[in-house]
Amino acid sequence: MWRKLILAVLVVPLGVVLVALAVVNRKHVLLVLDPFGGAEPGMSLEAPLFLFLLGAFILGLVVGGLATWLGQGKWRKKARAEAREAREWHRQADRLEKEFEGPDAAGSHLRLPAA
């Protein structure tokens, strides 16, 4: 329910804005990648402006996602260690349960010797 509401309120208008920007900014522009270039830029790229805008948006998403993923590395490492510890505890509990239910499960080890 909330996911659909967020989709309708945020993602759909954002998509409409991006499409509107793409339609309005179809004019070709020159992106110069040489900061020390003179009158004749050596490293440049000519494309519609909306491609540069969408490229910058996608690059921001990728860099932000990567930074988040790297920042959460210590938490993932801790979760893996705790999962490993939990599996070990479960194995030990299963082993002890099998020992308890073994051949003397009737409680023969608790009987007192006959007098």
N, C-alpha and C. Protein backbone atom coordinates (compact mmCIF):
# COMPACT_ATOMS: atom_id res chain seq x y z
N MET A 1 0.83 -1.18 0.00
CA MET A 1 0.00 0.00 0.00
C MET A 1 0.88 1.26 0.00
N TRP A 2 1.81 1.36 0.97
CA TRP A 2 2.68 2.53 1.07
C TRP A 2 3.60 2.62 -0.13
N ARG A 3 4.05 1.47 -0.60
CA ARG A 3 4.96 1.46 -1.74
C ARG A 3 4.27 2.04 -2.98
N LYS A 4 3.03 1.69 -3.18
CA LYS A 4 2.28 2.21 -4.33
C LYS A 4 2.04 3.71 -4.19
N LEU A 5 1.80 4.14 -2.97
CA LEU A 5 1.57 5.57 -2.72
C LEU A 5 2.85 6.36 -2.99
N ILE A 6 3.97 5.86 -2.51
CA ILE A 6 5.25 6.54 -2.75
C ILE A 6 5.56 6.57 -4.24
N LEU A 7 5.29 5.45 -4.92
CA LEU A 7 5.49 5.40 -6.36
C LEU A 7 4.65 6.46 -7.05
N ALA A 8 3.40 6.57 -6.68
CA ALA A 8 2.50 7.52 -7.33
C ALA A 8 2.86 8.97 -7.00
N VAL A 9 3.31 9.23 -5.78
CA VAL A 9 3.56 10.61 -5.36
C VAL A 9 4.95 11.11 -5.78
N LEU A 10 5.95 10.23 -5.76
CA LEU A 10 7.32 10.68 -6.03
C LEU A 10 7.85 10.27 -7.39
N VAL A 11 7.76 9.02 -7.72
CA VAL A 11 8.43 8.50 -8.91
C VAL A 11 7.74 8.95 -10.20
N VAL A 12 6.44 8.91 -10.22
CA VAL A 12 5.72 9.30 -11.44
C VAL A 12 5.96 10.78 -11.78
N PRO A 13 5.81 11.71 -10.83
CA PRO A 13 6.12 13.11 -11.18
C PRO A 13 7.58 13.32 -11.57
N LEU A 14 8.51 12.62 -10.93
CA LEU A 14 9.91 12.73 -11.31
C LEU A 14 10.12 12.26 -12.74
N GLY A 15 9.47 11.18 -13.13
CA GLY A 15 9.56 10.71 -14.52
C GLY A 15 8.99 11.71 -15.50
N VAL A 16 7.89 12.34 -15.14
CA VAL A 16 7.28 13.34 -16.00
C VAL A 16 8.22 14.54 -16.18
N VAL A 17 8.86 14.96 -15.09
CA VAL A 17 9.80 16.09 -15.15
C VAL A 17 11.00 15.73 -16.02
N LEU A 18 11.53 14.51 -15.87
CA LEU A 18 12.67 14.10 -16.69
C LEU A 18 12.32 14.04 -18.17
N VAL A 19 11.14 13.54 -18.48
CA VAL A 19 10.71 13.50 -19.89
C VAL A 19 10.53 14.91 -20.42
N ALA A 20 9.96 15.80 -19.61
CA ALA A 20 9.78 17.19 -20.04
C ALA A 20 11.14 17.85 -20.28
N LEU A 21 12.13 17.60 -19.41
CA LEU A 21 13.47 18.15 -19.61
C LEU A 21 14.09 17.60 -20.89
N ALA A 22 13.87 16.35 -21.16
CA ALA A 22 14.44 15.74 -22.37
C ALA A 22 13.83 16.36 -23.62
N VAL A 23 12.54 16.63 -23.58
CA VAL A 23 11.88 17.21 -24.75
C VAL A 23 12.33 18.66 -24.97
N VAL A 24 12.45 19.41 -23.90
CA VAL A 24 12.81 20.82 -24.01
C VAL A 24 14.28 21.01 -24.38
N ASN A 25 15.15 20.15 -23.88
CA ASN A 25 16.60 20.33 -24.06
C ASN A 25 17.16 19.38 -25.12
N ARG A 26 16.62 19.47 -26.33
CA ARG A 26 17.09 18.62 -27.42
C ARG A 26 18.23 19.25 -28.21
N LYS A 27 18.53 20.49 -27.94
CA LYS A 27 19.58 21.19 -28.67
C LYS A 27 20.95 20.58 -28.34
N HIS A 28 21.79 20.44 -29.36
CA HIS A 28 23.13 19.90 -29.16
C HIS A 28 24.01 20.93 -28.46
N VAL A 29 24.77 20.44 -27.49
CA VAL A 29 25.72 21.29 -26.77
C VAL A 29 27.08 20.61 -26.78
N LEU A 30 28.11 21.38 -26.51
CA LEU A 30 29.47 20.87 -26.50
C LEU A 30 29.95 20.77 -25.05
N LEU A 31 30.29 19.57 -24.63
CA LEU A 31 30.84 19.36 -23.29
C LEU A 31 32.35 19.22 -23.45
N VAL A 32 33.08 20.16 -22.86
CA VAL A 32 34.54 20.17 -22.95
C VAL A 32 35.09 19.50 -21.70
N LEU A 33 35.88 18.44 -21.91
CA LEU A 33 36.45 17.68 -20.80
C LEU A 33 37.91 18.05 -20.54
N ASP A 34 38.42 19.05 -21.22
CA ASP A 34 39.81 19.48 -21.07
C ASP A 34 39.81 20.80 -20.30
N PRO A 35 40.16 20.78 -18.99
CA PRO A 35 40.11 22.03 -18.23
C PRO A 35 41.18 23.04 -18.63
N PHE A 36 42.25 22.61 -19.29
CA PHE A 36 43.33 23.51 -19.69
C PHE A 36 43.32 23.80 -21.19
N GLY A 37 42.24 23.38 -21.85
CA GLY A 37 42.15 23.57 -23.29
C GLY A 37 42.07 25.03 -23.66
N GLY A 38 42.61 25.34 -24.80
CA GLY A 38 42.58 26.71 -25.27
C GLY A 38 41.36 26.94 -26.14
N ALA A 39 41.59 27.61 -27.28
CA ALA A 39 40.49 27.92 -28.19
C ALA A 39 39.98 26.67 -28.87
N GLU A 40 40.86 25.69 -29.08
CA GLU A 40 40.48 24.44 -29.75
C GLU A 40 40.50 23.32 -28.69
N PRO A 41 39.33 23.00 -28.11
CA PRO A 41 39.31 21.96 -27.08
C PRO A 41 39.63 20.58 -27.67
N GLY A 42 40.57 19.88 -27.01
CA GLY A 42 40.98 18.55 -27.48
C GLY A 42 39.99 17.47 -27.09
N MET A 43 39.60 17.46 -25.85
CA MET A 43 38.67 16.44 -25.37
C MET A 43 37.29 17.06 -25.19
N SER A 44 36.43 16.80 -26.14
CA SER A 44 35.07 17.35 -26.06
C SER A 44 34.09 16.33 -26.61
N LEU A 45 32.85 16.55 -26.26
CA LEU A 45 31.79 15.65 -26.67
C LEU A 45 30.56 16.49 -27.00
N GLU A 46 29.98 16.23 -28.16
CA GLU A 46 28.78 16.97 -28.55
C GLU A 46 27.60 16.02 -28.56
N ALA A 47 26.55 16.41 -27.83
CA ALA A 47 25.34 15.60 -27.72
C ALA A 47 24.20 16.49 -27.25
N PRO A 48 22.97 15.99 -27.33
CA PRO A 48 21.85 16.77 -26.79
C PRO A 48 22.01 16.97 -25.28
N LEU A 49 21.57 18.10 -24.81
CA LEU A 49 21.74 18.45 -23.39
C LEU A 49 21.05 17.45 -22.48
N PHE A 50 19.91 16.91 -22.88
CA PHE A 50 19.21 15.99 -22.00
C PHE A 50 20.01 14.72 -21.75
N LEU A 51 20.87 14.33 -22.71
CA LEU A 51 21.72 13.16 -22.47
C LEU A 51 22.73 13.44 -21.36
N PHE A 52 23.27 14.65 -21.35
CA PHE A 52 24.20 15.02 -20.29
C PHE A 52 23.48 15.10 -18.94
N LEU A 53 22.26 15.63 -18.95
CA LEU A 53 21.49 15.72 -17.71
C LEU A 53 21.16 14.33 -17.17
N LEU A 54 20.67 13.46 -18.04
CA LEU A 54 20.35 12.10 -17.60
C LEU A 54 21.61 11.33 -17.20
N GLY A 55 22.70 11.55 -17.92
CA GLY A 55 23.96 10.91 -17.57
C GLY A 55 24.45 11.34 -16.20
N ALA A 56 24.34 12.64 -15.90
CA ALA A 56 24.74 13.13 -14.59
C ALA A 56 23.84 12.55 -13.49
N PHE A 57 22.56 12.42 -13.78
CA PHE A 57 21.62 11.83 -12.83
C PHE A 57 21.98 10.37 -12.56
N ILE A 58 22.23 9.61 -13.61
CA ILE A 58 22.58 8.19 -13.46
C ILE A 58 23.91 8.04 -12.74
N LEU A 59 24.89 8.88 -13.10
CA LEU A 59 26.19 8.83 -12.44
C LEU A 59 26.05 9.14 -10.94
N GLY A 60 25.20 10.08 -10.60
CA GLY A 60 24.95 10.40 -9.19
C GLY A 60 24.32 9.24 -8.45
N LEU A 61 23.38 8.55 -9.10
CA LEU A 61 22.77 7.38 -8.48
C LEU A 61 23.80 6.28 -8.23
N VAL A 62 24.65 6.04 -9.22
CA VAL A 62 25.65 4.98 -9.09
C VAL A 62 26.67 5.32 -8.01
N VAL A 63 27.18 6.55 -8.02
CA VAL A 63 28.17 6.95 -7.02
C VAL A 63 27.55 6.95 -5.63
N GLY A 64 26.34 7.44 -5.49
CA GLY A 64 25.66 7.42 -4.19
C GLY A 64 25.40 6.02 -3.69
N GLY A 65 24.96 5.14 -4.59
CA GLY A 65 24.72 3.75 -4.20
C GLY A 65 26.01 3.05 -3.79
N LEU A 66 27.08 3.31 -4.52
CA LEU A 66 28.37 2.71 -4.19
C LEU A 66 28.88 3.23 -2.85
N ALA A 67 28.75 4.53 -2.61
CA ALA A 67 29.18 5.10 -1.33
C ALA A 67 28.37 4.51 -0.17
N THR A 68 27.08 4.34 -0.37
CA THR A 68 26.25 3.74 0.67
C THR A 68 26.65 2.31 0.92
N TRP A 69 26.87 1.55 -0.15
CA TRP A 69 27.25 0.14 -0.03
C TRP A 69 28.58 0.01 0.71
N LEU A 70 29.55 0.85 0.35
CA LEU A 70 30.85 0.80 1.02
C LEU A 70 30.74 1.25 2.48
N GLY A 71 29.90 2.21 2.75
CA GLY A 71 29.71 2.70 4.12
C GLY A 71 29.06 1.69 5.03
N GLN A 72 28.27 0.79 4.47
CA GLN A 72 27.59 -0.22 5.28
C GLN A 72 28.36 -1.52 5.37
N GLY A 73 29.60 -1.53 4.88
CA GLY A 73 30.41 -2.75 4.87
C GLY A 73 30.63 -3.33 6.25
N LYS A 74 30.89 -2.48 7.25
CA LYS A 74 31.14 -3.00 8.59
C LYS A 74 29.89 -3.66 9.17
N TRP A 75 28.71 -3.17 8.79
CA TRP A 75 27.48 -3.76 9.31
C TRP A 75 27.21 -5.11 8.64
N ARG A 76 27.52 -5.20 7.34
CA ARG A 76 27.36 -6.49 6.66
C ARG A 76 28.33 -7.52 7.22
N LYS A 77 29.56 -7.09 7.53
CA LYS A 77 30.56 -7.99 8.11
C LYS A 77 30.09 -8.48 9.47
N LYS A 78 29.55 -7.58 10.28
CA LYS A 78 29.04 -7.97 11.60
C LYS A 78 27.86 -8.92 11.47
N ALA A 79 26.98 -8.67 10.52
CA ALA A 79 25.83 -9.55 10.31
C ALA A 79 26.28 -10.94 9.88
N ARG A 80 27.29 -11.03 9.01
CA ARG A 80 27.82 -12.34 8.60
C ARG A 80 28.41 -13.08 9.78
N ALA A 81 29.16 -12.37 10.64
CA ALA A 81 29.77 -13.01 11.81
C ALA A 81 28.70 -13.50 12.77
N GLU A 82 27.66 -12.70 12.99
CA GLU A 82 26.59 -13.12 13.89
C GLU A 82 25.78 -14.26 13.31
N ALA A 83 25.60 -14.28 12.00
CA ALA A 83 24.90 -15.40 11.37
C ALA A 83 25.72 -16.68 11.52
N ARG A 84 27.04 -16.55 11.35
CA ARG A 84 27.92 -17.71 11.54
C ARG A 84 27.82 -18.23 12.97
N GLU A 85 27.83 -17.31 13.94
CA GLU A 85 27.72 -17.69 15.35
C GLU A 85 26.37 -18.34 15.63
N ALA A 86 25.30 -17.80 15.04
CA ALA A 86 23.97 -18.38 15.24
C ALA A 86 23.90 -19.79 14.66
N ARG A 87 24.51 -20.01 13.48
CA ARG A 87 24.52 -21.36 12.91
C ARG A 87 25.27 -22.33 13.82
N GLU A 88 26.37 -21.86 14.39
CA GLU A 88 27.14 -22.72 15.31
C GLU A 88 26.33 -23.06 16.55
N TRP A 89 25.62 -22.10 17.09
CA TRP A 89 24.77 -22.36 18.26
C TRP A 89 23.64 -23.34 17.90
N HIS A 90 23.07 -23.19 16.71
CA HIS A 90 22.01 -24.11 16.28
C HIS A 90 22.56 -25.52 16.11
N ARG A 91 23.76 -25.63 15.53
CA ARG A 91 24.37 -26.95 15.39
C ARG A 91 24.61 -27.59 16.75
N GLN A 92 25.10 -26.80 17.68
CA GLN A 92 25.37 -27.33 19.01
C GLN A 92 24.06 -27.73 19.70
N ALA A 93 23.03 -26.92 19.55
CA ALA A 93 21.74 -27.26 20.15
C ALA A 93 21.17 -28.54 19.54
N ASP A 94 21.28 -28.69 18.22
CA ASP A 94 20.81 -29.91 17.57
C ASP A 94 21.59 -31.13 18.06
N ARG A 95 22.91 -30.97 18.19
CA ARG A 95 23.74 -32.08 18.66
C ARG A 95 23.35 -32.48 20.08
N LEU A 96 23.16 -31.50 20.96
CA LEU A 96 22.76 -31.80 22.33
C LEU A 96 21.38 -32.41 22.39
N GLU A 97 20.48 -31.97 21.54
CA GLU A 97 19.13 -32.53 21.50
C GLU A 97 19.16 -33.99 21.07
N LYS A 98 20.00 -34.29 20.07
CA LYS A 98 20.13 -35.68 19.62
C LYS A 98 20.76 -36.55 20.71
N GLU A 99 21.74 -36.00 21.43
CA GLU A 99 22.33 -36.76 22.54
C GLU A 99 21.30 -37.03 23.62
N PHE A 100 20.47 -36.06 23.90
CA PHE A 100 19.45 -36.21 24.94
C PHE A 100 18.40 -37.23 24.52
N GLU A 101 18.06 -37.28 23.23
CA GLU A 101 17.04 -38.20 22.73
C GLU A 101 17.63 -39.54 22.32
N GLY A 102 18.89 -39.77 22.62
CA GLY A 102 19.60 -40.98 22.20
C GLY A 102 19.05 -42.23 22.87
N PRO A 103 19.89 -43.29 22.99
CA PRO A 103 19.44 -44.58 23.50
C PRO A 103 18.93 -44.53 24.94
N ASP A 104 19.43 -43.63 25.73
CA ASP A 104 18.94 -43.56 27.11
C ASP A 104 17.94 -42.42 27.28
N ALA A 105 17.10 -42.22 26.28
CA ALA A 105 16.12 -41.13 26.32
C ALA A 105 15.04 -41.37 27.36
N ALA A 106 14.89 -42.63 27.80
CA ALA A 106 13.87 -42.94 28.80
C ALA A 106 14.28 -42.45 30.17
N GLY A 107 15.46 -41.94 30.30
CA GLY A 107 15.90 -41.41 31.58
C GLY A 107 16.69 -42.42 32.38
N SER A 108 17.28 -43.43 31.72
CA SER A 108 18.02 -44.46 32.43
C SER A 108 19.25 -43.88 33.13
N HIS A 109 19.76 -42.81 32.63
CA HIS A 109 20.91 -42.20 33.27
C HIS A 109 20.54 -41.47 34.56
N LEU A 110 19.23 -41.29 34.78
CA LEU A 110 18.77 -40.63 35.98
C LEU A 110 18.36 -41.62 37.06
N ARG A 111 18.31 -42.90 36.75
CA ARG A 111 17.88 -43.90 37.72
C ARG A 111 18.94 -44.10 38.79
N LEU A 112 18.47 -44.36 39.98
CA LEU A 112 19.36 -44.66 41.08
C LEU A 112 19.70 -46.14 41.06
N PRO A 113 20.89 -46.51 41.48
CA PRO A 113 21.22 -47.93 41.52
C PRO A 113 20.34 -48.67 42.51
N ALA A 114 20.03 -49.92 42.19
CA ALA A 114 19.17 -50.73 43.08
C ALA A 114 19.92 -51.05 44.36
N ALA A 115 19.19 -50.98 45.49
CA ALA A 115 19.83 -51.22 46.77
C ALA A 115 19.51 -52.58 47.32
